[in-house]
PDB file of all heavy atoms in Angstrom:
ATOM      1  N   ASP A   1     -46.136   0.118 -95.800  1.00  0.00           N
ATOM      2  CA  ASP A   1     -47.255  -0.278 -94.942  1.00  0.00           C
ATOM      3  C   ASP A   1     -47.011  -0.005 -93.465  1.00  0.00           C
ATOM      4  O   ASP A   1     -47.757  -0.471 -92.615  1.00  0.00           O
ATOM      5  CB  ASP A   1     -47.553  -1.771 -95.131  1.00  0.00           C
ATOM      6  CG  ASP A   1     -46.479  -2.667 -94.522  1.00  0.00           C
ATOM      7  OD1 ASP A   1     -45.406  -2.153 -94.130  1.00  0.00           O
ATOM      8  OD2 ASP A   1     -46.724  -3.883 -94.425  1.00  0.00           O
ATOM      9  N   TYR A   2     -45.998   0.773 -93.154  1.00  0.00           N
ATOM     10  CA  TYR A   2     -45.538   0.884 -91.765  1.00  0.00           C
ATOM     11  C   TYR A   2     -45.921   2.188 -91.089  1.00  0.00           C
ATOM     12  O   TYR A   2     -45.584   2.405 -89.933  1.00  0.00           O
ATOM     13  CB  TYR A   2     -44.009   0.716 -91.714  1.00  0.00           C
ATOM     14  CG  TYR A   2     -43.262   1.610 -92.680  1.00  0.00           C
ATOM     15  CD1 TYR A   2     -42.748   2.835 -92.280  1.00  0.00           C
ATOM     16  CD2 TYR A   2     -43.103   1.223 -94.006  1.00  0.00           C
ATOM     17  CE1 TYR A   2     -42.089   3.647 -93.169  1.00  0.00           C
ATOM     18  CE2 TYR A   2     -42.443   2.034 -94.900  1.00  0.00           C
ATOM     19  CZ  TYR A   2     -41.927   3.246 -94.484  1.00  0.00           C
ATOM     20  OH  TYR A   2     -41.284   4.055 -95.380  1.00  0.00           O
ATOM     21  N   ARG A   3     -46.624   3.076 -91.781  1.00  0.00           N
ATOM     22  CA  ARG A   3     -47.085   4.309 -91.170  1.00  0.00           C
ATOM     23  C   ARG A   3     -48.599   4.330 -91.011  1.00  0.00           C
ATOM     24  O   ARG A   3     -49.134   4.977 -90.137  1.00  0.00           O
ATOM     25  CB  ARG A   3     -46.648   5.524 -92.012  1.00  0.00           C
ATOM     26  CG  ARG A   3     -45.154   5.750 -92.017  1.00  0.00           C
ATOM     27  CD  ARG A   3     -44.676   6.348 -90.708  1.00  0.00           C
ATOM     28  NE  ARG A   3     -43.225   6.398 -90.667  1.00  0.00           N
ATOM     29  CZ  ARG A   3     -42.472   5.614 -89.919  1.00  0.00           C
ATOM     30  NH1 ARG A   3     -43.027   4.695 -89.155  1.00  0.00           N
ATOM     31  NH2 ARG A   3     -41.170   5.711 -89.941  1.00  0.00           N
ATOM     32  N   ASN A   4     -49.298   3.649 -91.903  1.00  0.00           N
ATOM     33  CA  ASN A   4     -50.754   3.698 -91.918  1.00  0.00           C
ATOM     34  C   ASN A   4     -51.282   2.269 -91.911  1.00  0.00           C
ATOM     35  O   ASN A   4     -51.288   1.579 -92.931  1.00  0.00           O
ATOM     36  CB  ASN A   4     -51.242   4.449 -93.166  1.00  0.00           C
ATOM     37  CG  ASN A   4     -52.721   4.787 -93.111  1.00  0.00           C
ATOM     38  OD1 ASN A   4     -53.372   4.599 -92.084  1.00  0.00           O
ATOM     39  ND2 ASN A   4     -53.256   5.277 -94.220  1.00  0.00           N
ATOM     40  N   PHE A   5     -51.720   1.799 -90.755  1.00  0.00           N
ATOM     41  CA  PHE A   5     -52.217   0.442 -90.620  1.00  0.00           C
ATOM     42  C   PHE A   5     -53.129   0.378 -89.407  1.00  0.00           C
ATOM     43  O   PHE A   5     -53.206   1.308 -88.609  1.00  0.00           O
ATOM     44  CB  PHE A   5     -51.060  -0.556 -90.469  1.00  0.00           C
ATOM     45  CG  PHE A   5     -50.153  -0.270 -89.301  1.00  0.00           C
ATOM     46  CD1 PHE A   5     -50.407  -0.830 -88.057  1.00  0.00           C
ATOM     47  CD2 PHE A   5     -49.043   0.553 -89.437  1.00  0.00           C
ATOM     48  CE1 PHE A   5     -49.577  -0.564 -86.973  1.00  0.00           C
ATOM     49  CE2 PHE A   5     -48.212   0.828 -88.364  1.00  0.00           C
ATOM     50  CZ  PHE A   5     -48.478   0.266 -87.131  1.00  0.00           C
ATOM     51  N   LEU A   6     -53.830  -0.729 -89.271  1.00  0.00           N
ATOM     52  CA  LEU A   6     -54.643  -0.931 -88.078  1.00  0.00           C
ATOM     53  C   LEU A   6     -54.345  -2.318 -87.511  1.00  0.00           C
ATOM     54  O   LEU A   6     -53.914  -3.222 -88.233  1.00  0.00           O
ATOM     55  CB  LEU A   6     -56.133  -0.747 -88.367  1.00  0.00           C
ATOM     56  CG  LEU A   6     -56.828  -1.664 -89.378  1.00  0.00           C
ATOM     57  CD1 LEU A   6     -57.357  -2.919 -88.697  1.00  0.00           C
ATOM     58  CD2 LEU A   6     -57.983  -0.935 -90.053  1.00  0.00           C
ATOM     59  N   ILE A   7     -54.545  -2.448 -86.227  1.00  0.00           N
ATOM     60  CA  ILE A   7     -54.316  -3.720 -85.551  1.00  0.00           C
ATOM     61  C   ILE A   7     -55.626  -4.188 -84.934  1.00  0.00           C
ATOM     62  O   ILE A   7     -56.270  -3.447 -84.188  1.00  0.00           O
ATOM     63  CB  ILE A   7     -53.235  -3.591 -84.467  1.00  0.00           C
ATOM     64  CG1 ILE A   7     -51.891  -3.231 -85.117  1.00  0.00           C
ATOM     65  CG2 ILE A   7     -53.103  -4.881 -83.674  1.00  0.00           C
ATOM     66  CD1 ILE A   7     -50.774  -3.001 -84.125  1.00  0.00           C
ATOM     67  N   VAL A   8     -56.035  -5.389 -85.288  1.00  0.00           N
ATOM     68  CA  VAL A   8     -57.237  -6.000 -84.732  1.00  0.00           C
ATOM     69  C   VAL A   8     -56.807  -7.305 -84.076  1.00  0.00           C
ATOM     70  O   VAL A   8     -56.302  -8.207 -84.745  1.00  0.00           O
ATOM     71  CB  VAL A   8     -58.296  -6.271 -85.817  1.00  0.00           C
ATOM     72  CG1 VAL A   8     -59.521  -6.936 -85.210  1.00  0.00           C
ATOM     73  CG2 VAL A   8     -58.684  -4.980 -86.528  1.00  0.00           C
ATOM     74  N   GLY A   9     -56.989  -7.388 -82.763  1.00  0.00           N
ATOM     75  CA  GLY A   9     -56.473  -8.538 -82.032  1.00  0.00           C
ATOM     76  C   GLY A   9     -54.962  -8.527 -82.094  1.00  0.00           C
ATOM     77  O   GLY A   9     -54.319  -7.532 -81.743  1.00  0.00           O
ATOM     78  N   ASP A  10     -54.390  -9.584 -82.587  1.00  0.00           N
ATOM     79  CA  ASP A  10     -52.936  -9.635 -82.723  1.00  0.00           C
ATOM     80  C   ASP A  10     -52.503  -9.562 -84.182  1.00  0.00           C
ATOM     81  O   ASP A  10     -51.359  -9.879 -84.514  1.00  0.00           O
ATOM     82  CB  ASP A  10     -52.383 -10.915 -82.077  1.00  0.00           C
ATOM     83  CG  ASP A  10     -52.964 -12.180 -82.709  1.00  0.00           C
ATOM     84  OD1 ASP A  10     -53.872 -12.052 -83.557  1.00  0.00           O
ATOM     85  OD2 ASP A  10     -52.506 -13.276 -82.342  1.00  0.00           O
ATOM     86  N   LYS A  11     -53.423  -9.120 -85.057  1.00  0.00           N
ATOM     87  CA  LYS A  11     -53.110  -9.069 -86.483  1.00  0.00           C
ATOM     88  C   LYS A  11     -53.029  -7.632 -86.983  1.00  0.00           C
ATOM     89  O   LYS A  11     -53.825  -6.780 -86.601  1.00  0.00           O
ATOM     90  CB  LYS A  11     -54.149  -9.843 -87.292  1.00  0.00           C
ATOM     91  CG  LYS A  11     -53.746 -10.052 -88.741  1.00  0.00           C
ATOM     92  CD  LYS A  11     -54.604 -11.096 -89.422  1.00  0.00           C
ATOM     93  CE  LYS A  11     -54.126 -11.357 -90.841  1.00  0.00           C
ATOM     94  NZ  LYS A  11     -54.919 -12.412 -91.514  1.00  0.00           N
ATOM     95  N   ARG A  12     -52.075  -7.404 -87.828  1.00  0.00           N
ATOM     96  CA  ARG A  12     -51.810  -6.078 -88.394  1.00  0.00           C
ATOM     97  C   ARG A  12     -52.341  -6.015 -89.824  1.00  0.00           C
ATOM     98  O   ARG A  12     -52.059  -6.901 -90.624  1.00  0.00           O
ATOM     99  CB  ARG A  12     -50.297  -5.854 -88.382  1.00  0.00           C
ATOM    100  CG  ARG A  12     -49.795  -4.515 -88.813  1.00  0.00           C
ATOM    101  CD  ARG A  12     -48.289  -4.527 -88.540  1.00  0.00           C
ATOM    102  NE  ARG A  12     -47.637  -3.284 -88.903  1.00  0.00           N
ATOM    103  CZ  ARG A  12     -47.196  -3.016 -90.125  1.00  0.00           C
ATOM    104  NH1 ARG A  12     -47.338  -3.909 -91.079  1.00  0.00           N
ATOM    105  NH2 ARG A  12     -46.603  -1.872 -90.374  1.00  0.00           N
ATOM    106  N   TYR A  13     -53.113  -4.975 -90.133  1.00  0.00           N
ATOM    107  CA  TYR A  13     -53.706  -4.826 -91.454  1.00  0.00           C
ATOM    108  C   TYR A  13     -53.167  -3.564 -92.126  1.00  0.00           C
ATOM    109  O   TYR A  13     -53.294  -2.462 -91.599  1.00  0.00           O
ATOM    110  CB  TYR A  13     -55.232  -4.760 -91.366  1.00  0.00           C
ATOM    111  CG  TYR A  13     -55.866  -6.061 -90.941  1.00  0.00           C
ATOM    112  CD1 TYR A  13     -56.040  -6.358 -89.586  1.00  0.00           C
ATOM    113  CD2 TYR A  13     -56.269  -7.001 -91.885  1.00  0.00           C
ATOM    114  CE1 TYR A  13     -56.610  -7.560 -89.191  1.00  0.00           C
ATOM    115  CE2 TYR A  13     -56.844  -8.208 -91.493  1.00  0.00           C
ATOM    116  CZ  TYR A  13     -57.012  -8.483 -90.149  1.00  0.00           C
ATOM    117  OH  TYR A  13     -57.566  -9.659 -89.756  1.00  0.00           O
ATOM    118  N   SER A  14     -52.577  -3.736 -93.298  1.00  0.00           N
ATOM    119  CA  SER A  14     -52.015  -2.629 -94.061  1.00  0.00           C
ATOM    120  C   SER A  14     -53.109  -1.779 -94.685  1.00  0.00           C
ATOM    121  O   SER A  14     -54.215  -2.258 -94.960  1.00  0.00           O
ATOM    122  CB  SER A  14     -51.105  -3.184 -95.161  1.00  0.00           C
ATOM    123  OG  SER A  14     -50.791  -2.205 -96.120  1.00  0.00           O
ATOM    124  N   HIS A  15     -52.788  -0.516 -94.961  1.00  0.00           N
ATOM    125  CA  HIS A  15     -53.747   0.349 -95.655  1.00  0.00           C
ATOM    126  C   HIS A  15     -53.790   0.068 -97.157  1.00  0.00           C
ATOM    127  O   HIS A  15     -54.643   0.602 -97.867  1.00  0.00           O
ATOM    128  CB  HIS A  15     -53.393   1.823 -95.426  1.00  0.00           C
ATOM    129  CG  HIS A  15     -52.226   2.297 -96.239  1.00  0.00           C
ATOM    130  ND1 HIS A  15     -50.939   1.900 -96.003  1.00  0.00           N
ATOM    131  CD2 HIS A  15     -52.156   3.152 -97.286  1.00  0.00           C
ATOM    132  CE1 HIS A  15     -50.118   2.478 -96.861  1.00  0.00           C
ATOM    133  NE2 HIS A  15     -50.833   3.231 -97.655  1.00  0.00           N
ATOM    134  N   GLU A  16     -52.878  -0.757 -97.644  1.00  0.00           N
ATOM    135  CA  GLU A  16     -52.880  -1.114 -99.062  1.00  0.00           C
ATOM    136  C   GLU A  16     -53.945  -2.187 -99.288  1.00  0.00           C
ATOM    137  O   GLU A  16     -53.846  -3.301 -98.791  1.00  0.00           O
ATOM    138  CB  GLU A  16     -51.509  -1.650 -99.482  1.00  0.00           C
ATOM    139  CG  GLU A  16     -50.346  -0.702 -99.224  1.00  0.00           C
ATOM    140  CD  GLU A  16     -50.292   0.442-100.215  1.00  0.00           C
ATOM    141  OE1 GLU A  16     -51.169   0.494-101.122  1.00  0.00           O
ATOM    142  OE2 GLU A  16     -49.380   1.271-100.106  1.00  0.00           O
ATOM    143  N   ILE A  17     -54.987  -1.839-100.046  1.00  0.00           N
ATOM    144  CA  ILE A  17     -56.098  -2.750-100.294  1.00  0.00           C
ATOM    145  C   ILE A  17     -55.933  -3.414-101.663  1.00  0.00           C
ATOM    146  O   ILE A  17     -55.660  -2.739-102.660  1.00  0.00           O
ATOM    147  CB  ILE A  17     -57.444  -2.004-100.259  1.00  0.00           C
ATOM    148  CG1 ILE A  17     -57.587  -1.200 -98.948  1.00  0.00           C
ATOM    149  CG2 ILE A  17     -58.603  -2.977-100.434  1.00  0.00           C
ATOM    150  CD1 ILE A  17     -57.610  -2.026 -97.706  1.00  0.00           C
ATOM    151  N   ASP A  18     -56.091  -4.716-101.711  1.00  0.00           N
ATOM    152  CA  ASP A  18     -56.055  -5.441-102.976  1.00  0.00           C
ATOM    153  C   ASP A  18     -57.442  -5.349-103.613  1.00  0.00           C
ATOM    154  O   ASP A  18     -58.408  -5.904-103.072  1.00  0.00           O
ATOM    155  CB  ASP A  18     -55.688  -6.904-102.729  1.00  0.00           C
ATOM    156  CG  ASP A  18     -55.516  -7.684-104.031  1.00  0.00           C
ATOM    157  OD1 ASP A  18     -55.953  -7.203-105.089  1.00  0.00           O
ATOM    158  OD2 ASP A  18     -54.930  -8.792-103.968  1.00  0.00           O
ATOM    159  N   PRO A  19     -57.575  -4.653-104.748  1.00  0.00           N
ATOM    160  CA  PRO A  19     -58.899  -4.493-105.359  1.00  0.00           C
ATOM    161  C   PRO A  19     -59.554  -5.820-105.740  1.00  0.00           C
ATOM    162  O   PRO A  19     -60.787  -5.905-105.801  1.00  0.00           O
ATOM    163  CB  PRO A  19     -58.615  -3.655-106.608  1.00  0.00           C
ATOM    164  CG  PRO A  19     -57.330  -2.947-106.308  1.00  0.00           C
ATOM    165  CD  PRO A  19     -56.538  -3.915-105.484  1.00  0.00           C
ATOM    166  N   LYS A  20     -58.752  -6.853-105.980  1.00  0.00           N
ATOM    167  CA  LYS A  20     -59.319  -8.134-106.411  1.00  0.00           C
ATOM    168  C   LYS A  20     -59.954  -8.913-105.261  1.00  0.00           C
ATOM    169  O   LYS A  20     -60.834  -9.734-105.473  1.00  0.00           O
ATOM    170  CB  LYS A  20     -58.238  -8.982-107.087  1.00  0.00           C
ATOM    171  CG  LYS A  20     -57.788  -8.406-108.422  1.00  0.00           C
ATOM    172  CD  LYS A  20     -56.808  -9.331-109.114  1.00  0.00           C
ATOM    173  CE  LYS A  20     -56.431  -8.770-110.476  1.00  0.00           C
ATOM    174  NZ  LYS A  20     -55.472  -9.658-111.185  1.00  0.00           N
ATOM    175  N   THR A  21     -59.490  -8.680-104.049  1.00  0.00           N
ATOM    176  CA  THR A  21     -60.043  -9.399-102.903  1.00  0.00           C
ATOM    177  C   THR A  21     -60.871  -8.506-101.995  1.00  0.00           C
ATOM    178  O   THR A  21     -61.754  -8.986-101.274  1.00  0.00           O
ATOM    179  CB  THR A  21     -58.915 -10.016-102.058  1.00  0.00           C
ATOM    180  OG1 THR A  21     -58.137  -8.962-101.453  1.00  0.00           O
ATOM    181  CG2 THR A  21     -58.008 -10.898-102.917  1.00  0.00           C
ATOM    182  N   GLY A  22     -60.570  -7.208-102.004  1.00  0.00           N
ATOM    183  CA  GLY A  22     -61.241  -6.279-101.104  1.00  0.00           C
ATOM    184  C   GLY A  22     -60.621  -6.234 -99.716  1.00  0.00           C
ATOM    185  O   GLY A  22     -61.100  -5.505 -98.849  1.00  0.00           O
ATOM    186  N   TRP A  23     -59.561  -6.999 -99.496  1.00  0.00           N
ATOM    187  CA  TRP A  23     -58.909  -7.083 -98.194  1.00  0.00           C
ATOM    188  C   TRP A  23     -57.522  -6.455 -98.257  1.00  0.00           C
ATOM    189  O   TRP A  23     -56.908  -6.383 -99.325  1.00  0.00           O
ATOM    190  CB  TRP A  23     -58.792  -8.546 -97.759  1.00  0.00           C
ATOM    191  CG  TRP A  23     -60.122  -9.163 -97.439  1.00  0.00           C
ATOM    192  CD1 TRP A  23     -61.054  -9.591 -98.353  1.00  0.00           C
ATOM    193  CD2 TRP A  23     -60.680  -9.380 -96.150  1.00  0.00           C
ATOM    194  NE1 TRP A  23     -62.170 -10.065 -97.709  1.00  0.00           N
ATOM    195  CE2 TRP A  23     -61.968  -9.960 -96.355  1.00  0.00           C
ATOM    196  CE3 TRP A  23     -60.241  -9.160 -94.853  1.00  0.00           C
ATOM    197  CZ2 TRP A  23     -62.806 -10.312 -95.309  1.00  0.00           C
ATOM    198  CZ3 TRP A  23     -61.069  -9.526 -93.802  1.00  0.00           C
ATOM    199  CH2 TRP A  23     -62.337 -10.082 -94.028  1.00  0.00           C
ATOM    200  N   PRO A  24     -57.009  -5.977 -97.121  1.00  0.00           N
ATOM    201  CA  PRO A  24     -55.633  -5.478 -97.092  1.00  0.00           C
ATOM    202  C   PRO A  24     -54.666  -6.560 -97.570  1.00  0.00           C
ATOM    203  O   PRO A  24     -54.873  -7.754 -97.315  1.00  0.00           O
ATOM    204  CB  PRO A  24     -55.407  -5.143 -95.617  1.00  0.00           C
ATOM    205  CG  PRO A  24     -56.770  -4.869 -95.074  1.00  0.00           C
ATOM    206  CD  PRO A  24     -57.678  -5.815 -95.808  1.00  0.00           C
ATOM    207  N   VAL A  25     -53.628  -6.132 -98.276  1.00  0.00           N
ATOM    208  CA  VAL A  25     -52.658  -7.094 -98.801  1.00  0.00           C
ATOM    209  C   VAL A  25     -51.960  -7.815 -97.651  1.00  0.00           C
ATOM    210  O   VAL A  25     -51.674  -7.221 -96.611  1.00  0.00           O
ATOM    211  CB  VAL A  25     -51.615  -6.414 -99.710  1.00  0.00           C
ATOM    212  CG1 VAL A  25     -52.274  -5.850-100.949  1.00  0.00           C
ATOM    213  CG2 VAL A  25     -50.868  -5.317 -98.964  1.00  0.00           C
ATOM    214  N   GLU A  26     -51.705  -9.091 -97.844  1.00  0.00           N
ATOM    215  CA  GLU A  26     -51.000  -9.887 -96.844  1.00  0.00           C
ATOM    216  C   GLU A  26     -49.740 -10.455 -97.470  1.00  0.00           C
ATOM    217  O   GLU A  26     -49.795 -11.423 -98.228  1.00  0.00           O
ATOM    218  CB  GLU A  26     -51.892 -11.017 -96.324  1.00  0.00           C
ATOM    219  CG  GLU A  26     -53.081 -10.537 -95.518  1.00  0.00           C
ATOM    220  CD  GLU A  26     -53.797 -11.680 -94.807  1.00  0.00           C
ATOM    221  OE1 GLU A  26     -53.103 -12.519 -94.190  1.00  0.00           O
ATOM    222  OE2 GLU A  26     -55.037 -11.725 -94.881  1.00  0.00           O
ATOM    223  N   GLN A  27     -48.622  -9.829 -97.201  1.00  0.00           N
ATOM    224  CA  GLN A  27     -47.346 -10.305 -97.688  1.00  0.00           C
ATOM    225  C   GLN A  27     -46.250  -9.669 -96.856  1.00  0.00           C
ATOM    226  O   GLN A  27     -46.503  -8.819 -96.002  1.00  0.00           O
ATOM    227  CB  GLN A  27     -47.163  -9.968 -99.172  1.00  0.00           C
ATOM    228  CG  GLN A  27     -47.287  -8.481 -99.491  1.00  0.00           C
ATOM    229  CD  GLN A  27     -47.054  -8.197-100.972  1.00  0.00           C
ATOM    230  OE1 GLN A  27     -46.183  -8.789-101.579  1.00  0.00           O
ATOM    231  NE2 GLN A  27     -47.848  -7.310-101.543  1.00  0.00           N
ATOM    232  N   SER A  28     -45.026 -10.085 -97.113  1.00  0.00           N
ATOM    233  CA  SER A  28     -43.899  -9.613 -96.317  1.00  0.00           C
ATOM    234  C   SER A  28     -43.356  -8.275 -96.788  1.00  0.00           C
ATOM    235  O   SER A  28     -42.459  -7.715 -96.160  1.00  0.00           O
ATOM    236  CB  SER A  28     -42.776 -10.654 -96.353  1.00  0.00           C
ATOM    237  OG  SER A  28     -42.353 -10.883 -97.694  1.00  0.00           O
ATOM    238  N   LEU A  29     -43.903  -7.756 -97.874  1.00  0.00           N
ATOM    239  CA  LEU A  29     -43.390  -6.503 -98.444  1.00  0.00           C
ATOM    240  C   LEU A  29     -43.710  -5.327 -97.532  1.00  0.00           C
ATOM    241  O   LEU A  29     -44.856  -5.091 -97.161  1.00  0.00           O
ATOM    242  CB  LEU A  29     -44.024  -6.291 -99.819  1.00  0.00           C
ATOM    243  CG  LEU A  29     -43.407  -5.233-100.729  1.00  0.00           C
ATOM    244  CD1 LEU A  29     -41.935  -5.503-100.960  1.00  0.00           C
ATOM    245  CD2 LEU A  29     -44.147  -5.216-102.060  1.00  0.00           C
ATOM    246  N   ALA A  30     -42.668  -4.574 -97.160  1.00  0.00           N
ATOM    247  CA  ALA A  30     -42.836  -3.435 -96.252  1.00  0.00           C
ATOM    248  C   ALA A  30     -42.791  -2.105 -96.967  1.00  0.00           C
ATOM    249  O   ALA A  30     -43.430  -1.139 -96.542  1.00  0.00           O
ATOM    250  CB  ALA A  30     -41.753  -3.466 -95.176  1.00  0.00           C
ATOM    251  N   SER A  31     -42.035  -2.023 -98.069  1.00  0.00           N
ATOM    252  CA  SER A  31     -41.837  -0.738 -98.721  1.00  0.00           C
ATOM    253  C   SER A  31     -41.418  -0.951-100.167  1.00  0.00           C
ATOM    254  O   SER A  31     -40.718  -1.919-100.489  1.00  0.00           O
ATOM    255  CB  SER A  31     -40.760   0.059 -97.978  1.00  0.00           C
ATOM    256  OG  SER A  31     -40.397   1.222 -98.676  1.00  0.00           O
ATOM    257  N   VAL A  32     -41.868  -0.040-101.022  1.00  0.00           N
ATOM    258  CA  VAL A  32     -41.462  -0.044-102.434  1.00  0.00           C
ATOM    259  C   VAL A  32     -41.133   1.382-102.847  1.00  0.00           C
ATOM    260  O   VAL A  32     -41.917   2.304-102.582  1.00  0.00           O
ATOM    261  CB  VAL A  32     -42.582  -0.585-103.347  1.00  0.00           C
ATOM    262  CG1 VAL A  32     -42.214  -0.382-104.817  1.00  0.00           C
ATOM    263  CG2 VAL A  32     -42.839  -2.055-103.080  1.00  0.00           C
ATOM    264  N   SER A  33     -39.985   1.565-103.484  1.00  0.00           N
ATOM    265  CA  SER A  33     -39.598   2.859-104.046  1.00  0.00           C
ATOM    266  C   SER A  33     -39.414   2.689-105.544  1.00  0.00           C
ATOM    267  O   SER A  33     -38.676   1.800-105.986  1.00  0.00           O
ATOM    268  CB  SER A  33     -38.302   3.368-103.412  1.00  0.00           C
ATOM    269  OG  SER A  33     -38.474   3.618-102.039  1.00  0.00           O
ATOM    270  N   VAL A  34     -40.086   3.527-106.319  1.00  0.00           N
ATOM    271  CA  VAL A  34     -40.056   3.436-107.775  1.00  0.00           C
ATOM    272  C   VAL A  34     -39.368   4.666-108.345  1.00  0.00           C
ATOM    273  O   VAL A  34     -39.687   5.803-107.969  1.00  0.00           O
ATOM    274  CB  VAL A  34     -41.478   3.318-108.363  1.00  0.00           C
ATOM    275  CG1 VAL A  34     -41.439   3.359-109.890  1.00  0.00           C
ATOM    276  CG2 VAL A  34     -42.149   2.039-107.882  1.00  0.00           C
ATOM    277  N   VAL A  35     -38.432   4.452-109.256  1.00  0.00           N
ATOM    278  CA  VAL A  35     -37.781   5.525-109.999  1.00  0.00           C
ATOM    279  C   VAL A  35     -38.288   5.459-111.435  1.00  0.00           C
ATOM    280  O   VAL A  35     -38.230   4.398-112.071  1.00  0.00           O
ATOM    281  CB  VAL A  35     -36.244   5.392-109.958  1.00  0.00           C
ATOM    282  CG1 VAL A  35     -35.591   6.398-110.908  1.00  0.00           C
ATOM    283  CG2 VAL A  35     -35.733   5.606-108.544  1.00  0.00           C
ATOM    284  N   ALA A  36     -38.797   6.579-111.926  1.00  0.00           N
ATOM    285  CA  ALA A  36     -39.349   6.627-113.275  1.00  0.00           C
ATOM    286  C   ALA A  36     -39.073   8.001-113.882  1.00  0.00           C
ATOM    287  O   ALA A  36     -38.547   8.894-113.217  1.00  0.00           O
ATOM    288  CB  ALA A  36     -40.851   6.343-113.248  1.00  0.00           C
ATOM    289  N   ALA A  37     -39.453   8.155-115.142  1.00  0.00           N
ATOM    290  CA  ALA A  37     -39.214   9.428-115.818  1.00  0.00           C
ATOM    291  C   ALA A  37     -40.100  10.536-115.284  1.00  0.00           C
ATOM    292  O   ALA A  37     -39.720  11.706-115.299  1.00  0.00           O
ATOM    293  CB  ALA A  37     -39.445   9.261-117.322  1.00  0.00           C
TER     294      ALA A  37
END
């Protein structure tokens, strides 16, 4: 969430959208790397 985001006022909004809420995700997670086949 650290390359593509927007800031409104003093709040930072991630580009990751939660489909269930329609709002950018709000959590402390900054990055995920997945290893798969």
